[in-house]
Structures are given as structure tokens and as C-alpha cells.
Amino acid sequence: MIKARVGDRFDVWVRRALPFLFRSHIHPNLITVAGTLVSLGAGVAFARGAFGWGGVLIGVGGLFDLVDGVLARHQGRASAFGAFLDSSLDRLVDIGILVGIMTFYASRGEAGTVLLAGVALAASVLTSYTKARAESLVPSLSGGFFERAERLLVLALGGVTGWLVPALWIVAVLGVLTVIQRFSLAYRQMAGLELTERSEAGGHPVP
């Protein structure tokens, strides 16, 4: 939702804020990998109970994640593999951060919070997977009011403020609702596509 609201203006903001980066010849994929390592550091920090550092590292890693795409477009290096790498490493980061949180609460014997983080993890992965899978069957699937940027922002704020458990509740509940939303959107688009294909083939659509 954040990316959809900002749109192309974000590229302009990044170039103005970090002009030195666009005068360099750093490969965007290196930025992607560096951001992944920083974000995985957030998972380690959470596992050790350093919630503040975990929140800060999520923010820094998120900045890398936002910049790599802008840099790739600026250099004319945007590629299918770059998009694949970015998306795959995003999933690794999502898992790493929440596994770190689960590790901390498991060490304290707080089974309920571990379960809550597990639900947040499942919702996070499914939010991304449902879109990717649906778009292999339909042209595009737009929609989802609580996406990756929102999840990371909530977890970062939860870490910095110490309100990590409420943050997990937000990520879990809104994540599950977003998955349900995407299932509904996918069903409607796929049903509509099937009706169109039947009509074009001269068949009779089933009500």
C-alpha cells in the first residue's frame, strides 16, 4: 500500500537524498545482498533480546531494499534475475526476522508469543506467495492493504519502542486479513477470466 501511494515519486526522492550513490558504479545486486545481510542481523538482534537494535537494523536493511531497484533503473541494469534475486531474498529476510523473534520468546518459555510470531510468519509468507502464484495464472493481482513495507515498519517500531508483542499482533491479524483479501481477489479474477475464455470459445458460461 505504501509503494502504491508513493509511486514513481520515490525514485526522485531517493536520487535527491543519495546523489553520491548514483554517481558510483555499484551493482544493484550488491546493494540487494548487503541489505539482506543487514536485515538478517536484525533477526540475530531480536534473538538476543536487543529489540532496539533489531528495529534499527530493519530500518537500515529496508533502506537498502528500496534503493536497489531505483539504482537498477538508473543504471539501466533492471533485469529478470535482479527481480528474482530481490524477491527471493525478501522472503529470506521475512523468515529470518520472525524466526529471530520466535527464538527469543522460545528461550523464555513464552509459547503463546512463539505461536503468535509463527502466525505472523505464515501470514507474511502467504501474503507474498499468493500474489506471485496468482500472477502466474492471471495478468496481475493488485490489492493488499498490509504488505511487506507495512509489516517491516510495524516490526521496526515495535522493536525500537519495546512494544514488540503488540506489533506481532498487528502483523499477524492484518497479515491474515490480507491473505484472505488476496484469495478473494484471485478467485474473482480467475473466475472472470474463465468466463471470458468460455465465451470466446463459443461455450455457455456456468452461472
C-alpha atoms as a PDB file:
ATOM      1  CA  MET A   1       0.000   0.000   0.000  1.00  0.00           C
ATOM      2  CA  ILE A   2       2.835   2.431   0.821  1.00  0.00           C
ATOM      3  CA  LYS A   3       4.557   1.780  -2.527  1.00  0.00           C
ATOM      4  CA  ALA A   4       1.266   2.155  -4.386  1.00  0.00           C
ATOM      5  CA  ARG A   5       0.641   5.553  -2.781  1.00  0.00           C
ATOM      6  CA  VAL A   6       4.137   6.896  -3.384  1.00  0.00           C
ATOM      7  CA  GLY A   7       4.585   5.545  -6.911  1.00  0.00           C
ATOM      8  CA  ASP A   8       7.290   6.996  -9.158  1.00  0.00           C
ATOM      9  CA  ARG A   9       7.910   9.925  -6.802  1.00  0.00           C
ATOM     10  CA  PHE A  10      10.029   7.647  -4.647  1.00  0.00           C
ATOM     11  CA  ASP A  11      12.708   7.359  -7.351  1.00  0.00           C
ATOM     12  CA  VAL A  12      13.060  11.133  -7.390  1.00  0.00           C
ATOM     13  CA  TRP A  13      13.286  11.334  -3.590  1.00  0.00           C
ATOM     14  CA  VAL A  14      15.993   8.680  -3.431  1.00  0.00           C
ATOM     15  CA  ARG A  15      18.095  10.374  -6.108  1.00  0.00           C
ATOM     16  CA  ARG A  16      17.892  13.691  -4.284  1.00  0.00           C
ATOM     17  CA  ALA A  17      18.685  12.173  -0.893  1.00  0.00           C
ATOM     18  CA  LEU A  18      21.576   9.947  -2.056  1.00  0.00           C
ATOM     19  CA  PRO A  19      23.119  11.620  -5.120  1.00  0.00           C
ATOM     20  CA  PHE A  20      26.570  10.109  -4.456  1.00  0.00           C
ATOM     21  CA  LEU A  21      25.163   6.612  -4.880  1.00  0.00           C
ATOM     22  CA  PHE A  22      24.047   7.359  -8.419  1.00  0.00           C
ATOM     23  CA  ARG A  23      27.483   8.649  -9.406  1.00  0.00           C
ATOM     24  CA  SER A  24      29.042   5.323  -8.446  1.00  0.00           C
ATOM     25  CA  HIS A  25      29.184   2.073 -10.399  1.00  0.00           C
ATOM     26  CA  ILE A  26      27.988  -0.193  -7.584  1.00  0.00           C
ATOM     27  CA  HIS A  27      25.972  -3.080  -8.980  1.00  0.00           C
ATOM     28  CA  PRO A  28      22.360  -3.044  -7.696  1.00  0.00           C
ATOM     29  CA  ASN A  29      22.557  -6.753  -6.835  1.00  0.00           C
ATOM     30  CA  LEU A  30      25.349  -5.969  -4.349  1.00  0.00           C
ATOM     31  CA  ILE A  31      23.028  -3.475  -2.668  1.00  0.00           C
ATOM     32  CA  THR A  32      20.364  -6.184  -2.517  1.00  0.00           C
ATOM     33  CA  VAL A  33      22.717  -8.688  -0.873  1.00  0.00           C
ATOM     34  CA  ALA A  34      24.112  -6.093   1.542  1.00  0.00           C
ATOM     35  CA  GLY A  35      20.598  -5.114   2.607  1.00  0.00           C
ATOM     36  CA  THR A  36      19.747  -8.762   3.154  1.00  0.00           C
ATOM     37  CA  LEU A  37      22.740  -9.260   5.446  1.00  0.00           C
ATOM     38  CA  VAL A  38      21.836  -6.157   7.462  1.00  0.00           C
ATOM     39  CA  SER A  39      18.230  -7.296   7.796  1.00  0.00           C
ATOM     40  CA  LEU A  40      19.289 -10.791   8.860  1.00  0.00           C
ATOM     41  CA  GLY A  41      21.354  -9.027  11.513  1.00  0.00           C
ATOM     42  CA  ALA A  42      18.037  -7.702  12.805  1.00  0.00           C
ATOM     43  CA  GLY A  43      16.877 -11.290  13.264  1.00  0.00           C
ATOM     44  CA  VAL A  44      20.023 -12.053  15.276  1.00  0.00           C
ATOM     45  CA  ALA A  45      19.482  -8.932  17.394  1.00  0.00           C
ATOM     46  CA  PHE A  46      15.901  -9.939  18.158  1.00  0.00           C
ATOM     47  CA  ALA A  47      17.009 -13.461  19.067  1.00  0.00           C
ATOM     48  CA  ARG A  48      19.469 -11.962  21.595  1.00  0.00           C
ATOM     49  CA  GLY A  49      16.830  -9.650  23.065  1.00  0.00           C
ATOM     50  CA  ALA A  50      18.331  -6.462  21.595  1.00  0.00           C
ATOM     51  CA  PHE A  51      14.975  -5.224  20.342  1.00  0.00           C
ATOM     52  CA  GLY A  52      16.123  -1.639  19.759  1.00  0.00           C
ATOM     53  CA  TRP A  53      18.982  -2.746  17.531  1.00  0.00           C
ATOM     54  CA  GLY A  54      16.633  -5.132  15.778  1.00  0.00           C
ATOM     55  CA  GLY A  55      14.286  -2.278  14.919  1.00  0.00           C
ATOM     56  CA  VAL A  56      17.133  -0.048  13.722  1.00  0.00           C
ATOM     57  CA  LEU A  57      18.609  -2.793  11.537  1.00  0.00           C
ATOM     58  CA  ILE A  58      15.214  -3.466   9.952  1.00  0.00           C
ATOM     59  CA  GLY A  59      15.090   0.211   9.017  1.00  0.00           C
ATOM     60  CA  VAL A  60      18.605   0.239   7.557  1.00  0.00           C
ATOM     61  CA  GLY A  61      18.032  -3.012   5.667  1.00  0.00           C
ATOM     62  CA  GLY A  62      14.740  -1.667   4.350  1.00  0.00           C
ATOM     63  CA  LEU A  63      16.538   1.403   3.005  1.00  0.00           C
ATOM     64  CA  PHE A  64      18.933  -0.852   1.054  1.00  0.00           C
ATOM     65  CA  ASP A  65      15.936  -2.785  -0.262  1.00  0.00           C
ATOM     66  CA  LEU A  66      14.275   0.375  -1.527  1.00  0.00           C
ATOM     67  CA  VAL A  67      17.411   1.827  -3.100  1.00  0.00           C
ATOM     68  CA  ASP A  68      18.483  -1.218  -5.149  1.00  0.00           C
ATOM     69  CA  GLY A  69      15.547  -1.017  -7.542  1.00  0.00           C
ATOM     70  CA  VAL A  70      15.951   2.723  -8.071  1.00  0.00           C
ATOM     71  CA  LEU A  71      19.669   2.237  -8.728  1.00  0.00           C
ATOM     72  CA  ALA A  72      18.988  -0.604 -11.190  1.00  0.00           C
ATOM     73  CA  ARG A  73      16.588   1.558 -13.184  1.00  0.00           C
ATOM     74  CA  HIS A  74      19.019   4.490 -13.135  1.00  0.00           C
ATOM     75  CA  GLN A  75      21.892   2.342 -14.442  1.00  0.00           C
ATOM     76  CA  GLY A  76      19.743   0.513 -16.981  1.00  0.00           C
ATOM     77  CA  ARG A  77      20.528  -2.757 -15.191  1.00  0.00           C
ATOM     78  CA  ALA A  78      16.995  -3.774 -14.279  1.00  0.00           C
ATOM     79  CA  SER A  79      16.707  -7.465 -15.148  1.00  0.00           C
ATOM     80  CA  ALA A  80      14.555 -10.519 -14.593  1.00  0.00           C
ATOM     81  CA  PHE A  81      17.273 -12.110 -12.448  1.00  0.00           C
ATOM     82  CA  GLY A  82      17.609  -8.951 -10.362  1.00  0.00           C
ATOM     83  CA  ALA A  83      13.875  -9.013  -9.670  1.00  0.00           C
ATOM     84  CA  PHE A  84      14.055 -12.737  -8.845  1.00  0.00           C
ATOM     85  CA  LEU A  85      17.017 -12.211  -6.502  1.00  0.00           C
ATOM     86  CA  ASP A  86      15.341  -9.304  -4.735  1.00  0.00           C
ATOM     87  CA  SER A  87      12.072 -11.165  -4.250  1.00  0.00           C
ATOM     88  CA  SER A  88      13.771 -14.357  -3.045  1.00  0.00           C
ATOM     89  CA  LEU A  89      15.996 -12.561  -0.554  1.00  0.00           C
ATOM     90  CA  ASP A  90      12.997 -10.570   0.705  1.00  0.00           C
ATOM     91  CA  ARG A  91      11.395 -13.860   1.721  1.00  0.00           C
ATOM     92  CA  LEU A  92      14.620 -14.908   3.457  1.00  0.00           C
ATOM     93  CA  VAL A  93      14.621 -11.650   5.423  1.00  0.00           C
ATOM     94  CA  ASP A  94      10.948 -12.010   6.390  1.00  0.00           C
ATOM     95  CA  ILE A  95      11.626 -15.500   7.706  1.00  0.00           C
ATOM     96  CA  GLY A  96      14.918 -14.557   9.404  1.00  0.00           C
ATOM     97  CA  ILE A  97      13.449 -11.649  11.358  1.00  0.00           C
ATOM     98  CA  LEU A  98      10.449 -13.563  12.654  1.00  0.00           C
ATOM     99  CA  VAL A  99      12.473 -16.706  13.433  1.00  0.00           C
ATOM    100  CA  GLY A 100      14.776 -14.469  15.480  1.00  0.00           C
ATOM    101  CA  ILE A 101      11.785 -13.161  17.419  1.00  0.00           C
ATOM    102  CA  MET A 102      10.448 -16.692  17.899  1.00  0.00           C
ATOM    103  CA  THR A 103      13.869 -17.822  19.173  1.00  0.00           C
ATOM    104  CA  PHE A 104      13.919 -15.119  21.843  1.00  0.00           C
ATOM    105  CA  TYR A 105      10.457 -15.906  23.191  1.00  0.00           C
ATOM    106  CA  ALA A 106      11.077 -19.660  22.978  1.00  0.00           C
ATOM    107  CA  SER A 107      14.154 -19.203  25.198  1.00  0.00           C
ATOM    108  CA  ARG A 108      11.890 -17.510  27.752  1.00  0.00           C
ATOM    109  CA  GLY A 109       9.300 -20.289  27.594  1.00  0.00           C
ATOM    110  CA  GLU A 110       6.585 -17.980  26.215  1.00  0.00           C
ATOM    111  CA  ALA A 111       4.831 -20.496  23.982  1.00  0.00           C
ATOM    112  CA  GLY A 112       1.891 -18.189  23.239  1.00  0.00           C
ATOM    113  CA  THR A 113       4.102 -15.454  21.855  1.00  0.00           C
ATOM    114  CA  VAL A 114       6.063 -18.002  19.816  1.00  0.00           C
ATOM    115  CA  LEU A 115       2.779 -19.181  18.309  1.00  0.00           C
ATOM    116  CA  LEU A 116       1.763 -15.578  17.612  1.00  0.00           C
ATOM    117  CA  ALA A 117       5.053 -14.923  15.813  1.00  0.00           C
ATOM    118  CA  GLY A 118       4.537 -18.178  13.894  1.00  0.00           C
ATOM    119  CA  VAL A 119       1.147 -16.961  12.664  1.00  0.00           C
ATOM    120  CA  ALA A 120       2.757 -13.644  11.672  1.00  0.00           C
ATOM    121  CA  LEU A 121       5.440 -15.583   9.783  1.00  0.00           C
ATOM    122  CA  ALA A 122       2.915 -17.774   7.951  1.00  0.00           C
ATOM    123  CA  ALA A 123       0.809 -14.733   7.019  1.00  0.00           C
ATOM    124  CA  SER A 124       3.898 -12.857   5.799  1.00  0.00           C
ATOM    125  CA  VAL A 125       4.988 -15.687   3.524  1.00  0.00           C
ATOM    126  CA  LEU A 126       1.466 -16.344   2.238  1.00  0.00           C
ATOM    127  CA  THR A 127       0.853 -12.654   1.503  1.00  0.00           C
ATOM    128  CA  SER A 128       3.763 -12.712  -0.927  1.00  0.00           C
ATOM    129  CA  TYR A 129       3.180 -16.231  -2.249  1.00  0.00           C
ATOM    130  CA  THR A 130      -0.496 -15.727  -3.088  1.00  0.00           C
ATOM    131  CA  LYS A 131       0.353 -12.714  -5.270  1.00  0.00           C
ATOM    132  CA  ALA A 132       3.229 -14.492  -7.024  1.00  0.00           C
ATOM    133  CA  ARG A 133       1.198 -17.647  -7.628  1.00  0.00           C
ATOM    134  CA  ALA A 134      -1.891 -15.785  -8.789  1.00  0.00           C
ATOM    135  CA  GLU A 135       0.140 -13.739 -11.264  1.00  0.00           C
ATOM    136  CA  SER A 136       1.326 -16.968 -12.875  1.00  0.00           C
ATOM    137  CA  LEU A 137      -2.338 -17.580 -13.772  1.00  0.00           C
ATOM    138  CA  VAL A 138      -3.774 -14.089 -14.310  1.00  0.00           C
ATOM    139  CA  PRO A 139      -2.158 -10.947 -15.785  1.00  0.00           C
ATOM    140  CA  SER A 140      -1.853  -9.177 -12.428  1.00  0.00           C
ATOM    141  CA  LEU A 141      -3.179  -9.187  -8.888  1.00  0.00           C
ATOM    142  CA  SER A 142      -3.403  -5.740  -7.384  1.00  0.00           C
ATOM    143  CA  GLY A 143      -4.529  -5.361  -3.844  1.00  0.00           C
ATOM    144  CA  GLY A 144      -3.413  -5.975  -0.325  1.00  0.00           C
ATOM    145  CA  PHE A 145      -3.752  -3.355   2.371  1.00  0.00           C
ATOM    146  CA  PHE A 146      -0.970  -4.731   4.608  1.00  0.00           C
ATOM    147  CA  GLU A 147       2.068  -5.620   2.544  1.00  0.00           C
ATOM    148  CA  ARG A 148       5.783  -6.073   3.218  1.00  0.00           C
ATOM    149  CA  ALA A 149       6.646  -2.412   3.759  1.00  0.00           C
ATOM    150  CA  GLU A 150       3.896  -2.081   6.362  1.00  0.00           C
ATOM    151  CA  ARG A 151       4.939  -5.304   8.122  1.00  0.00           C
ATOM    152  CA  LEU A 152       8.573  -4.239   8.420  1.00  0.00           C
ATOM    153  CA  LEU A 153       7.611  -0.749   9.588  1.00  0.00           C
ATOM    154  CA  VAL A 154       5.400  -2.153  12.354  1.00  0.00           C
ATOM    155  CA  LEU A 155       8.082  -4.641  13.480  1.00  0.00           C
ATOM    156  CA  ALA A 156      10.771  -1.928  13.425  1.00  0.00           C
ATOM    157  CA  LEU A 157       8.634   0.407  15.529  1.00  0.00           C
ATOM    158  CA  GLY A 158       7.770  -2.459  17.865  1.00  0.00           C
ATOM    159  CA  GLY A 159      11.462  -3.187  18.359  1.00  0.00           C
ATOM    160  CA  VAL A 160      12.528   0.416  18.910  1.00  0.00           C
ATOM    161  CA  THR A 161       9.676   1.204  21.322  1.00  0.00           C
ATOM    162  CA  GLY A 162       9.773  -2.142  23.117  1.00  0.00           C
ATOM    163  CA  TRP A 163       6.165  -2.861  22.130  1.00  0.00           C
ATOM    164  CA  LEU A 164       7.110  -5.931  20.131  1.00  0.00           C
ATOM    165  CA  VAL A 165       4.231  -8.189  21.218  1.00  0.00           C
ATOM    166  CA  PRO A 166       1.553  -5.647  20.163  1.00  0.00           C
ATOM    167  CA  ALA A 167       3.466  -5.271  16.891  1.00  0.00           C
ATOM    168  CA  LEU A 168       3.289  -9.043  16.386  1.00  0.00           C
ATOM    169  CA  TRP A 169      -0.465  -8.952  16.966  1.00  0.00           C
ATOM    170  CA  ILE A 170      -0.820  -6.258  14.302  1.00  0.00           C
ATOM    171  CA  VAL A 171       1.340  -8.168  11.812  1.00  0.00           C
ATOM    172  CA  ALA A 172      -0.449 -11.465  12.495  1.00  0.00           C
ATOM    173  CA  VAL A 173      -4.037 -10.177  12.375  1.00  0.00           C
ATOM    174  CA  LEU A 174      -3.651  -7.762   9.463  1.00  0.00           C
ATOM    175  CA  GLY A 175      -1.447 -10.288   7.650  1.00  0.00           C
ATOM    176  CA  VAL A 176      -4.137 -12.973   7.851  1.00  0.00           C
ATOM    177  CA  LEU A 177      -6.767 -10.486   6.657  1.00  0.00           C
ATOM    178  CA  THR A 178      -4.551  -9.535   3.714  1.00  0.00           C
ATOM    179  CA  VAL A 179      -4.132 -13.196   2.743  1.00  0.00           C
ATOM    180  CA  ILE A 180      -7.922 -13.623   2.816  1.00  0.00           C
ATOM    181  CA  GLN A 181      -8.279 -10.456   0.733  1.00  0.00           C
ATOM    182  CA  ARG A 182      -5.864 -11.766  -1.882  1.00  0.00           C
ATOM    183  CA  PHE A 183      -7.606 -15.149  -2.044  1.00  0.00           C
ATOM    184  CA  SER A 184     -10.867 -13.309  -2.690  1.00  0.00           C
ATOM    185  CA  LEU A 185      -9.317 -11.074  -5.366  1.00  0.00           C
ATOM    186  CA  ALA A 186      -7.662 -14.061  -7.038  1.00  0.00           C
ATOM    187  CA  TYR A 187     -10.912 -16.040  -7.052  1.00  0.00           C
ATOM    188  CA  ARG A 188     -12.845 -13.201  -8.685  1.00  0.00           C
ATOM    189  CA  GLN A 189     -10.179 -12.544 -11.318  1.00  0.00           C
ATOM    190  CA  MET A 190      -9.729 -16.222 -12.179  1.00  0.00           C
ATOM    191  CA  ALA A 191     -13.491 -16.806 -12.347  1.00  0.00           C
ATOM    192  CA  GLY A 192     -13.858 -13.788 -14.628  1.00  0.00           C
ATOM    193  CA  LEU A 193     -11.005 -14.996 -16.841  1.00  0.00           C
ATOM    194  CA  GLU A 194     -12.563 -18.453 -17.160  1.00  0.00           C
ATOM    195  CA  LEU A 195     -15.933 -16.941 -18.141  1.00  0.00           C
ATOM    196  CA  THR A 196     -14.231 -14.801 -20.775  1.00  0.00           C
ATOM    197  CA  GLU A 197     -12.360 -17.782 -22.207  1.00  0.00           C
ATOM    198  CA  ARG A 198     -15.552 -19.844 -22.383  1.00  0.00           C
ATOM    199  CA  SER A 199     -17.396 -17.011 -24.120  1.00  0.00           C
ATOM    200  CA  GLU A 200     -14.630 -16.581 -26.658  1.00  0.00           C
ATOM    201  CA  ALA A 201     -14.633 -20.341 -27.293  1.00  0.00           C
ATOM    202  CA  GLY A 202     -18.359 -20.214 -28.007  1.00  0.00           C
ATOM    203  CA  GLY A 203     -19.338 -22.054 -24.839  1.00  0.00           C
ATOM    204  CA  HIS A 204     -22.031 -21.139 -22.373  1.00  0.00           C
ATOM    205  CA  PRO A 205     -20.805 -19.684 -19.077  1.00  0.00           C
ATOM    206  CA  VAL A 206     -21.945 -21.504 -15.984  1.00  0.00           C
ATOM    207  CA  PRO A 207     -23.816 -19.149 -13.615  1.00  0.00           C
END
